[in-house]
Amino acid sequence: MSTATLPRIRKASFRIDTTKSHEWLKAHRHEYIGKWVVLDGDRLVGAGDDPQPIFAQARTQGVKFPFVTFIQEDLEPFMGGWL
């Protein structure tokens, strides 16, 4: 494929503030380990094993830019040797 046939990529002219979503995650992430969560700012839209239906729910509620993330368990780093 030549570069003449590729679509032109444009940069977004706006930034999305995810500060409230990250604050919510700090406070509540331990409640949703192993789950996908969908947020609208600091409001939980839903959580579950599959993010697609929750994302669709957020869109039907009028959320323009849902924040979607998977919550992983924080594992302690391995430290070899004797303590």
N, C-alpha and C. Protein backbone atom coordinates (compact mmCIF):
# COMPACT_ATOMS: atom_id res chain seq x y z
N MET A 1 0.86 -1.18 0.00
CA MET A 1 0.00 0.00 0.00
C MET A 1 0.90 1.23 0.00
N SER A 2 0.67 2.12 -0.90
CA SER A 2 1.49 3.32 -0.96
C SER A 2 0.98 4.35 0.04
N THR A 3 1.84 5.28 0.39
CA THR A 3 1.45 6.30 1.38
C THR A 3 0.41 7.25 0.83
N ALA A 4 0.26 7.30 -0.49
CA ALA A 4 -0.73 8.19 -1.08
C ALA A 4 -2.16 7.71 -0.80
N THR A 5 -2.33 6.41 -0.53
CA THR A 5 -3.68 5.89 -0.30
C THR A 5 -4.04 5.81 1.18
N LEU A 6 -3.10 6.08 2.07
CA LEU A 6 -3.39 6.03 3.51
C LEU A 6 -4.14 7.28 3.94
N PRO A 7 -5.08 7.13 4.87
CA PRO A 7 -5.80 8.32 5.35
C PRO A 7 -4.87 9.22 6.16
N ARG A 8 -5.14 10.49 6.10
CA ARG A 8 -4.33 11.45 6.84
C ARG A 8 -4.72 11.39 8.32
N ILE A 9 -3.75 11.36 9.20
CA ILE A 9 -4.00 11.30 10.64
C ILE A 9 -3.99 12.73 11.18
N ARG A 10 -5.05 13.04 11.94
CA ARG A 10 -5.15 14.38 12.53
C ARG A 10 -5.05 14.28 14.05
N LYS A 11 -4.47 15.26 14.65
CA LYS A 11 -4.41 15.31 16.11
C LYS A 11 -5.70 15.91 16.64
N ALA A 12 -6.12 15.42 17.80
CA ALA A 12 -7.29 15.99 18.45
C ALA A 12 -6.94 17.38 18.96
N SER A 13 -7.87 18.28 18.88
CA SER A 13 -7.61 19.66 19.30
C SER A 13 -8.07 19.90 20.75
N PHE A 14 -8.38 18.83 21.47
CA PHE A 14 -8.83 18.98 22.85
C PHE A 14 -8.20 17.89 23.71
N ARG A 15 -8.20 18.12 25.00
CA ARG A 15 -7.68 17.14 25.96
C ARG A 15 -8.81 16.76 26.90
N ILE A 16 -8.82 15.50 27.30
CA ILE A 16 -9.84 15.03 28.23
C ILE A 16 -9.22 14.96 29.62
N ASP A 17 -9.85 15.61 30.58
CA ASP A 17 -9.36 15.62 31.95
C ASP A 17 -9.82 14.34 32.66
N THR A 18 -8.89 13.47 33.02
CA THR A 18 -9.21 12.21 33.69
C THR A 18 -8.87 12.25 35.18
N THR A 19 -8.66 13.43 35.72
CA THR A 19 -8.27 13.57 37.12
C THR A 19 -9.29 12.94 38.06
N LYS A 20 -10.57 13.21 37.85
CA LYS A 20 -11.62 12.67 38.73
C LYS A 20 -11.68 11.15 38.64
N SER A 21 -11.49 10.61 37.46
CA SER A 21 -11.51 9.15 37.29
C SER A 21 -10.34 8.52 38.04
N HIS A 22 -9.17 9.12 37.96
CA HIS A 22 -8.01 8.57 38.66
C HIS A 22 -8.17 8.68 40.17
N GLU A 23 -8.78 9.75 40.64
CA GLU A 23 -9.04 9.87 42.08
C GLU A 23 -10.03 8.79 42.54
N TRP A 24 -11.06 8.52 41.72
CA TRP A 24 -12.02 7.47 42.05
C TRP A 24 -11.31 6.13 42.12
N LEU A 25 -10.42 5.88 41.17
CA LEU A 25 -9.68 4.61 41.15
C LEU A 25 -8.82 4.44 42.41
N LYS A 26 -8.17 5.50 42.85
CA LYS A 26 -7.35 5.42 44.07
C LYS A 26 -8.20 5.02 45.28
N ALA A 27 -9.42 5.54 45.33
CA ALA A 27 -10.28 5.30 46.49
C ALA A 27 -11.01 3.96 46.42
N HIS A 28 -11.31 3.46 45.21
CA HIS A 28 -12.20 2.30 45.09
C HIS A 28 -11.62 1.09 44.36
N ARG A 29 -10.40 1.18 43.85
CA ARG A 29 -9.88 0.10 43.01
C ARG A 29 -9.87 -1.25 43.72
N HIS A 30 -9.64 -1.26 45.03
CA HIS A 30 -9.57 -2.51 45.79
C HIS A 30 -10.91 -3.27 45.77
N GLU A 31 -12.01 -2.58 45.48
CA GLU A 31 -13.33 -3.19 45.43
C GLU A 31 -13.60 -3.90 44.10
N TYR A 32 -12.78 -3.63 43.08
CA TYR A 32 -13.07 -4.12 41.73
C TYR A 32 -11.88 -4.85 41.09
N ILE A 33 -11.04 -5.47 41.89
CA ILE A 33 -9.88 -6.19 41.36
C ILE A 33 -10.36 -7.34 40.47
N GLY A 34 -9.77 -7.42 39.28
CA GLY A 34 -10.12 -8.45 38.32
C GLY A 34 -11.33 -8.10 37.46
N LYS A 35 -11.79 -6.87 37.54
CA LYS A 35 -12.97 -6.43 36.78
C LYS A 35 -12.62 -5.24 35.88
N TRP A 36 -13.42 -5.07 34.84
CA TRP A 36 -13.39 -3.87 34.04
C TRP A 36 -14.31 -2.85 34.70
N VAL A 37 -13.88 -1.61 34.76
CA VAL A 37 -14.74 -0.55 35.26
C VAL A 37 -14.88 0.53 34.19
N VAL A 38 -16.06 1.11 34.14
CA VAL A 38 -16.34 2.21 33.22
C VAL A 38 -16.80 3.39 34.08
N LEU A 39 -16.11 4.51 33.92
CA LEU A 39 -16.39 5.69 34.73
C LEU A 39 -16.77 6.87 33.86
N ASP A 40 -17.57 7.74 34.45
CA ASP A 40 -17.86 9.05 33.87
C ASP A 40 -17.38 10.05 34.90
N GLY A 41 -16.14 10.46 34.78
CA GLY A 41 -15.54 11.31 35.81
C GLY A 41 -15.37 10.49 37.08
N ASP A 42 -16.03 10.93 38.16
CA ASP A 42 -15.94 10.19 39.43
C ASP A 42 -17.21 9.37 39.68
N ARG A 43 -17.98 9.10 38.64
CA ARG A 43 -19.20 8.30 38.75
C ARG A 43 -18.98 6.95 38.09
N LEU A 44 -19.24 5.89 38.85
CA LEU A 44 -19.14 4.54 38.30
C LEU A 44 -20.36 4.25 37.44
N VAL A 45 -20.12 3.97 36.17
CA VAL A 45 -21.21 3.59 35.27
C VAL A 45 -21.50 2.11 35.46
N GLY A 46 -20.44 1.30 35.58
CA GLY A 46 -20.62 -0.13 35.77
C GLY A 46 -19.29 -0.85 35.85
N ALA A 47 -19.35 -2.11 36.27
CA ALA A 47 -18.17 -2.95 36.38
C ALA A 47 -18.55 -4.37 36.03
N GLY A 48 -17.61 -5.12 35.45
CA GLY A 48 -17.89 -6.50 35.11
C GLY A 48 -16.74 -7.16 34.38
N ASP A 49 -17.01 -8.36 33.88
CA ASP A 49 -15.98 -9.13 33.19
C ASP A 49 -15.80 -8.72 31.73
N ASP A 50 -16.79 -8.08 31.14
CA ASP A 50 -16.75 -7.65 29.75
C ASP A 50 -17.04 -6.16 29.68
N PRO A 51 -16.11 -5.34 29.19
CA PRO A 51 -16.33 -3.90 29.19
C PRO A 51 -17.30 -3.41 28.11
N GLN A 52 -17.51 -4.19 27.06
CA GLN A 52 -18.32 -3.70 25.94
C GLN A 52 -19.75 -3.35 26.30
N PRO A 53 -20.50 -4.21 27.02
CA PRO A 53 -21.87 -3.80 27.37
C PRO A 53 -21.92 -2.61 28.32
N ILE A 54 -20.93 -2.49 29.18
CA ILE A 54 -20.91 -1.36 30.12
C ILE A 54 -20.58 -0.08 29.37
N PHE A 55 -19.66 -0.18 28.41
CA PHE A 55 -19.32 0.97 27.56
C PHE A 55 -20.56 1.41 26.79
N ALA A 56 -21.29 0.45 26.22
CA ALA A 56 -22.51 0.77 25.48
C ALA A 56 -23.55 1.43 26.38
N GLN A 57 -23.64 0.94 27.62
CA GLN A 57 -24.56 1.54 28.60
C GLN A 57 -24.18 3.00 28.86
N ALA A 58 -22.89 3.26 29.01
CA ALA A 58 -22.42 4.63 29.24
C ALA A 58 -22.79 5.53 28.08
N ARG A 59 -22.61 5.03 26.86
CA ARG A 59 -22.94 5.83 25.68
C ARG A 59 -24.43 6.13 25.60
N THR A 60 -25.27 5.13 25.96
CA THR A 60 -26.72 5.38 25.94
C THR A 60 -27.14 6.37 27.02
N GLN A 61 -26.33 6.48 28.08
CA GLN A 61 -26.59 7.46 29.14
C GLN A 61 -26.08 8.85 28.78
N GLY A 62 -25.45 8.96 27.61
CA GLY A 62 -24.97 10.26 27.15
C GLY A 62 -23.54 10.58 27.52
N VAL A 63 -22.79 9.61 28.01
CA VAL A 63 -21.39 9.84 28.35
C VAL A 63 -20.59 9.89 27.05
N LYS A 64 -19.97 11.05 26.77
CA LYS A 64 -19.25 11.21 25.50
C LYS A 64 -17.93 10.46 25.48
N PHE A 65 -17.19 10.52 26.58
CA PHE A 65 -15.88 9.89 26.64
C PHE A 65 -15.77 9.01 27.89
N PRO A 66 -16.33 7.81 27.87
CA PRO A 66 -16.24 6.93 29.04
C PRO A 66 -14.78 6.55 29.32
N PHE A 67 -14.42 6.51 30.58
CA PHE A 67 -13.09 6.08 31.02
C PHE A 67 -13.20 4.58 31.32
N VAL A 68 -12.48 3.76 30.56
CA VAL A 68 -12.55 2.31 30.68
C VAL A 68 -11.19 1.78 31.10
N THR A 69 -11.16 0.95 32.14
CA THR A 69 -9.89 0.36 32.58
C THR A 69 -10.13 -0.99 33.25
N PHE A 70 -9.10 -1.82 33.21
CA PHE A 70 -9.13 -3.11 33.89
C PHE A 70 -8.34 -2.98 35.18
N ILE A 71 -8.91 -3.43 36.29
CA ILE A 71 -8.26 -3.31 37.59
C ILE A 71 -7.47 -4.59 37.87
N GLN A 72 -6.16 -4.47 37.89
CA GLN A 72 -5.31 -5.61 38.20
C GLN A 72 -4.92 -5.58 39.66
N GLU A 73 -4.63 -6.78 40.16
CA GLU A 73 -4.17 -6.89 41.54
C GLU A 73 -2.75 -6.35 41.64
N ASP A 74 -2.50 -5.55 42.65
CA ASP A 74 -1.14 -5.08 42.88
C ASP A 74 -0.35 -6.19 43.54
N LEU A 75 0.65 -6.66 42.85
CA LEU A 75 1.49 -7.71 43.40
C LEU A 75 2.76 -7.09 43.95
N GLU A 76 3.19 -7.61 45.07
CA GLU A 76 4.44 -7.16 45.66
C GLU A 76 5.57 -7.58 44.73
N PRO A 77 6.55 -6.72 44.51
CA PRO A 77 7.69 -7.13 43.67
C PRO A 77 8.48 -8.24 44.35
N PHE A 78 8.97 -9.16 43.55
CA PHE A 78 9.74 -10.27 44.09
C PHE A 78 11.10 -9.76 44.55
N MET A 79 11.49 -10.23 45.74
CA MET A 79 12.81 -9.85 46.25
C MET A 79 13.49 -11.14 46.67
N GLY A 80 14.48 -11.54 45.90
CA GLY A 80 15.16 -12.81 46.18
C GLY A 80 16.04 -12.70 47.41
N GLY A 81 16.38 -13.84 47.95
CA GLY A 81 17.28 -13.87 49.10
C GLY A 81 16.54 -14.11 50.41
N TRP A 82 17.28 -14.15 51.45
CA TRP A 82 16.74 -14.38 52.78
C TRP A 82 16.42 -13.06 53.44
N LEU A 83 15.39 -13.06 54.22
CA LEU A 83 15.04 -11.84 54.95
C LEU A 83 15.56 -11.90 56.34
